[in-house]
Amino acid sequence: MIAVNLIFMPIDWLFHKSNNLIGFIQMIIQAIGNHNFMVFGVILLTLLACWLVIFLVALFFYWLNYEISKKDYYQK
């Protein structure tokens, strides 16, 4: 539920729904009280997924730069 709420939070902000951040913080506090290791796992997996997305985007642009540089006529 934390991951779903985190994903849809910007959409709620877009439609000007208030108190979404306070509700999210309350949900995290309640989840930590009930399920310590599960919340840690969700946070860790979310960070790893974000890192993977950033890494793949950077890798794509590195590959694109390499492919474009092979066709560069002015390269020494």
N, C-alpha and C. Protein backbone atom coordinates (compact mmCIF):
# COMPACT_ATOMS: atom_id res chain seq x y z
N MET A 1 0.82 -1.20 0.00
CA MET A 1 0.00 0.00 0.00
C MET A 1 0.86 1.25 0.00
N ILE A 2 2.02 1.19 0.65
CA ILE A 2 2.92 2.35 0.68
C ILE A 2 3.40 2.68 -0.73
N ALA A 3 3.79 1.64 -1.49
CA ALA A 3 4.29 1.88 -2.84
C ALA A 3 3.20 2.46 -3.74
N VAL A 4 1.98 1.96 -3.62
CA VAL A 4 0.87 2.47 -4.44
C VAL A 4 0.58 3.92 -4.08
N ASN A 5 0.56 4.23 -2.79
CA ASN A 5 0.32 5.60 -2.36
C ASN A 5 1.44 6.52 -2.84
N LEU A 6 2.67 6.03 -2.82
CA LEU A 6 3.80 6.84 -3.27
C LEU A 6 3.73 7.10 -4.77
N ILE A 7 3.25 6.12 -5.52
CA ILE A 7 3.14 6.28 -6.97
C ILE A 7 2.04 7.29 -7.33
N PHE A 8 0.90 7.23 -6.64
CA PHE A 8 -0.23 8.09 -6.99
C PHE A 8 -0.22 9.45 -6.28
N MET A 9 0.76 9.70 -5.43
CA MET A 9 0.81 10.99 -4.72
C MET A 9 0.96 12.18 -5.67
N PRO A 10 1.84 12.14 -6.69
CA PRO A 10 1.90 13.30 -7.60
C PRO A 10 0.59 13.54 -8.35
N ILE A 11 -0.15 12.47 -8.66
CA ILE A 11 -1.43 12.64 -9.35
C ILE A 11 -2.43 13.34 -8.43
N ASP A 12 -2.41 12.97 -7.16
CA ASP A 12 -3.30 13.64 -6.21
C ASP A 12 -2.92 15.11 -6.06
N TRP A 13 -1.64 15.41 -6.06
CA TRP A 13 -1.20 16.81 -5.99
C TRP A 13 -1.64 17.57 -7.22
N LEU A 14 -1.63 16.90 -8.37
CA LEU A 14 -2.05 17.54 -9.62
C LEU A 14 -3.50 17.97 -9.56
N PHE A 15 -4.35 17.17 -8.90
CA PHE A 15 -5.76 17.49 -8.77
C PHE A 15 -6.08 18.23 -7.48
N HIS A 16 -5.06 18.74 -6.80
CA HIS A 16 -5.18 19.60 -5.62
C HIS A 16 -5.92 18.93 -4.46
N LYS A 17 -5.65 17.66 -4.24
CA LYS A 17 -6.21 16.99 -3.07
C LYS A 17 -5.29 17.29 -1.89
N SER A 18 -5.86 17.81 -0.83
CA SER A 18 -5.05 18.23 0.31
C SER A 18 -4.89 17.09 1.31
N ASN A 19 -3.96 17.28 2.23
CA ASN A 19 -3.67 16.36 3.33
C ASN A 19 -3.22 14.98 2.85
N ASN A 20 -2.78 14.86 1.62
CA ASN A 20 -2.30 13.59 1.13
C ASN A 20 -0.96 13.23 1.75
N LEU A 21 -0.10 14.21 1.92
CA LEU A 21 1.21 13.97 2.50
C LEU A 21 1.09 13.60 3.98
N ILE A 22 0.18 14.25 4.69
CA ILE A 22 -0.02 13.93 6.10
C ILE A 22 -0.57 12.52 6.25
N GLY A 23 -1.51 12.14 5.40
CA GLY A 23 -2.04 10.78 5.43
C GLY A 23 -0.98 9.75 5.09
N PHE A 24 -0.10 10.10 4.16
CA PHE A 24 0.99 9.19 3.79
C PHE A 24 1.96 8.98 4.95
N ILE A 25 2.29 10.06 5.65
CA ILE A 25 3.18 9.96 6.81
C ILE A 25 2.53 9.14 7.92
N GLN A 26 1.24 9.36 8.15
CA GLN A 26 0.53 8.57 9.16
C GLN A 26 0.49 7.10 8.78
N MET A 27 0.31 6.80 7.50
CA MET A 27 0.29 5.41 7.07
C MET A 27 1.65 4.75 7.26
N ILE A 28 2.73 5.48 6.99
CA ILE A 28 4.08 4.93 7.19
C ILE A 28 4.33 4.67 8.67
N ILE A 29 3.93 5.60 9.53
CA ILE A 29 4.13 5.41 10.97
C ILE A 29 3.35 4.20 11.46
N GLN A 30 2.12 4.04 11.00
CA GLN A 30 1.32 2.89 11.40
C GLN A 30 1.92 1.59 10.86
N ALA A 31 2.42 1.61 9.62
CA ALA A 31 3.01 0.41 9.05
C ALA A 31 4.31 0.04 9.76
N ILE A 32 5.09 1.02 10.15
CA ILE A 32 6.33 0.74 10.88
C ILE A 32 6.01 0.11 12.24
N GLY A 33 4.95 0.58 12.87
CA GLY A 33 4.56 0.01 14.15
C GLY A 33 4.12 -1.44 14.03
N ASN A 34 3.50 -1.79 12.91
CA ASN A 34 2.97 -3.15 12.74
C ASN A 34 3.94 -4.09 12.03
N HIS A 35 4.62 -3.58 11.02
CA HIS A 35 5.45 -4.44 10.16
C HIS A 35 6.79 -3.76 9.90
N ASN A 36 7.72 -3.86 10.82
CA ASN A 36 9.01 -3.17 10.68
C ASN A 36 9.78 -3.63 9.46
N PHE A 37 9.98 -4.92 9.30
CA PHE A 37 10.83 -5.42 8.23
C PHE A 37 10.18 -5.28 6.86
N MET A 38 8.86 -5.39 6.80
CA MET A 38 8.18 -5.25 5.52
C MET A 38 8.30 -3.82 5.00
N VAL A 39 8.16 -2.84 5.86
CA VAL A 39 8.29 -1.44 5.45
C VAL A 39 9.71 -1.16 5.00
N PHE A 40 10.68 -1.69 5.73
CA PHE A 40 12.08 -1.52 5.32
C PHE A 40 12.31 -2.15 3.95
N GLY A 41 11.72 -3.32 3.70
CA GLY A 41 11.86 -3.98 2.41
C GLY A 41 11.23 -3.20 1.28
N VAL A 42 10.06 -2.63 1.54
CA VAL A 42 9.37 -1.83 0.51
C VAL A 42 10.19 -0.59 0.18
N ILE A 43 10.71 0.07 1.20
CA ILE A 43 11.52 1.26 0.97
C ILE A 43 12.79 0.90 0.21
N LEU A 44 13.43 -0.20 0.59
CA LEU A 44 14.64 -0.64 -0.08
C LEU A 44 14.36 -1.02 -1.54
N LEU A 45 13.28 -1.75 -1.79
CA LEU A 45 12.94 -2.12 -3.16
C LEU A 45 12.57 -0.91 -4.01
N THR A 46 11.91 0.07 -3.40
CA THR A 46 11.57 1.30 -4.13
C THR A 46 12.83 2.07 -4.51
N LEU A 47 13.77 2.17 -3.59
CA LEU A 47 15.03 2.84 -3.90
C LEU A 47 15.82 2.10 -4.97
N LEU A 48 15.84 0.78 -4.89
CA LEU A 48 16.53 -0.01 -5.92
C LEU A 48 15.87 0.14 -7.28
N ALA A 49 14.55 0.18 -7.32
CA ALA A 49 13.85 0.36 -8.59
C ALA A 49 14.13 1.74 -9.18
N CYS A 50 14.15 2.76 -8.33
CA CYS A 50 14.47 4.12 -8.81
C CYS A 50 15.90 4.17 -9.35
N TRP A 51 16.83 3.53 -8.64
CA TRP A 51 18.22 3.51 -9.08
C TRP A 51 18.33 2.78 -10.42
N LEU A 52 17.60 1.69 -10.57
CA LEU A 52 17.65 0.93 -11.82
C LEU A 52 17.12 1.76 -12.99
N VAL A 53 16.05 2.49 -12.78
CA VAL A 53 15.49 3.33 -13.84
C VAL A 53 16.49 4.41 -14.24
N ILE A 54 17.10 5.07 -13.27
CA ILE A 54 18.09 6.12 -13.57
C ILE A 54 19.29 5.52 -14.28
N PHE A 55 19.74 4.35 -13.85
CA PHE A 55 20.88 3.68 -14.48
C PHE A 55 20.56 3.33 -15.93
N LEU A 56 19.36 2.79 -16.20
CA LEU A 56 19.01 2.42 -17.56
C LEU A 56 18.86 3.63 -18.47
N VAL A 57 18.35 4.72 -17.96
CA VAL A 57 18.25 5.95 -18.77
C VAL A 57 19.65 6.46 -19.10
N ALA A 58 20.55 6.48 -18.11
CA ALA A 58 21.92 6.93 -18.36
C ALA A 58 22.63 6.00 -19.34
N LEU A 59 22.42 4.71 -19.20
CA LEU A 59 23.02 3.73 -20.12
C LEU A 59 22.50 3.92 -21.54
N PHE A 60 21.21 4.20 -21.68
CA PHE A 60 20.65 4.44 -23.00
C PHE A 60 21.30 5.65 -23.65
N PHE A 61 21.47 6.75 -22.92
CA PHE A 61 22.08 7.94 -23.51
C PHE A 61 23.56 7.73 -23.79
N TYR A 62 24.23 6.93 -22.98
CA TYR A 62 25.63 6.60 -23.26
C TYR A 62 25.72 5.80 -24.56
N TRP A 63 24.82 4.81 -24.73
CA TRP A 63 24.79 4.02 -25.96
C TRP A 63 24.44 4.90 -27.16
N LEU A 64 23.47 5.80 -27.00
CA LEU A 64 23.07 6.69 -28.08
C LEU A 64 24.22 7.60 -28.49
N ASN A 65 24.96 8.12 -27.53
CA ASN A 65 26.11 8.97 -27.83
C ASN A 65 27.17 8.18 -28.58
N TYR A 66 27.39 6.93 -28.18
CA TYR A 66 28.37 6.08 -28.85
C TYR A 66 27.95 5.80 -30.29
N GLU A 67 26.69 5.49 -30.52
CA GLU A 67 26.21 5.20 -31.87
C GLU A 67 26.26 6.44 -32.77
N ILE A 68 25.94 7.58 -32.22
CA ILE A 68 25.98 8.82 -33.01
C ILE A 68 27.42 9.19 -33.33
N SER A 69 28.33 8.95 -32.39
CA SER A 69 29.73 9.31 -32.63
C SER A 69 30.37 8.43 -33.68
N LYS A 70 29.86 7.23 -33.92
CA LYS A 70 30.41 6.38 -34.97
C LYS A 70 30.10 6.95 -36.35
N LYS A 71 29.05 7.72 -36.48
CA LYS A 71 28.65 8.30 -37.75
C LYS A 71 29.03 9.77 -37.88
N ASP A 72 29.88 10.23 -36.97
CA ASP A 72 30.28 11.64 -36.98
C ASP A 72 31.36 11.83 -38.04
N TYR A 73 31.10 12.68 -39.03
CA TYR A 73 32.04 12.91 -40.11
C TYR A 73 33.20 13.79 -39.69
N TYR A 74 33.04 14.59 -38.66
CA TYR A 74 34.07 15.54 -38.24
C TYR A 74 34.94 14.99 -37.11
N GLN A 75 34.76 13.74 -36.78
CA GLN A 75 35.55 13.16 -35.68
C GLN A 75 36.97 12.91 -36.17
N LYS A 76 37.94 13.20 -35.31
CA LYS A 76 39.35 13.03 -35.70
C LYS A 76 39.77 11.60 -35.55
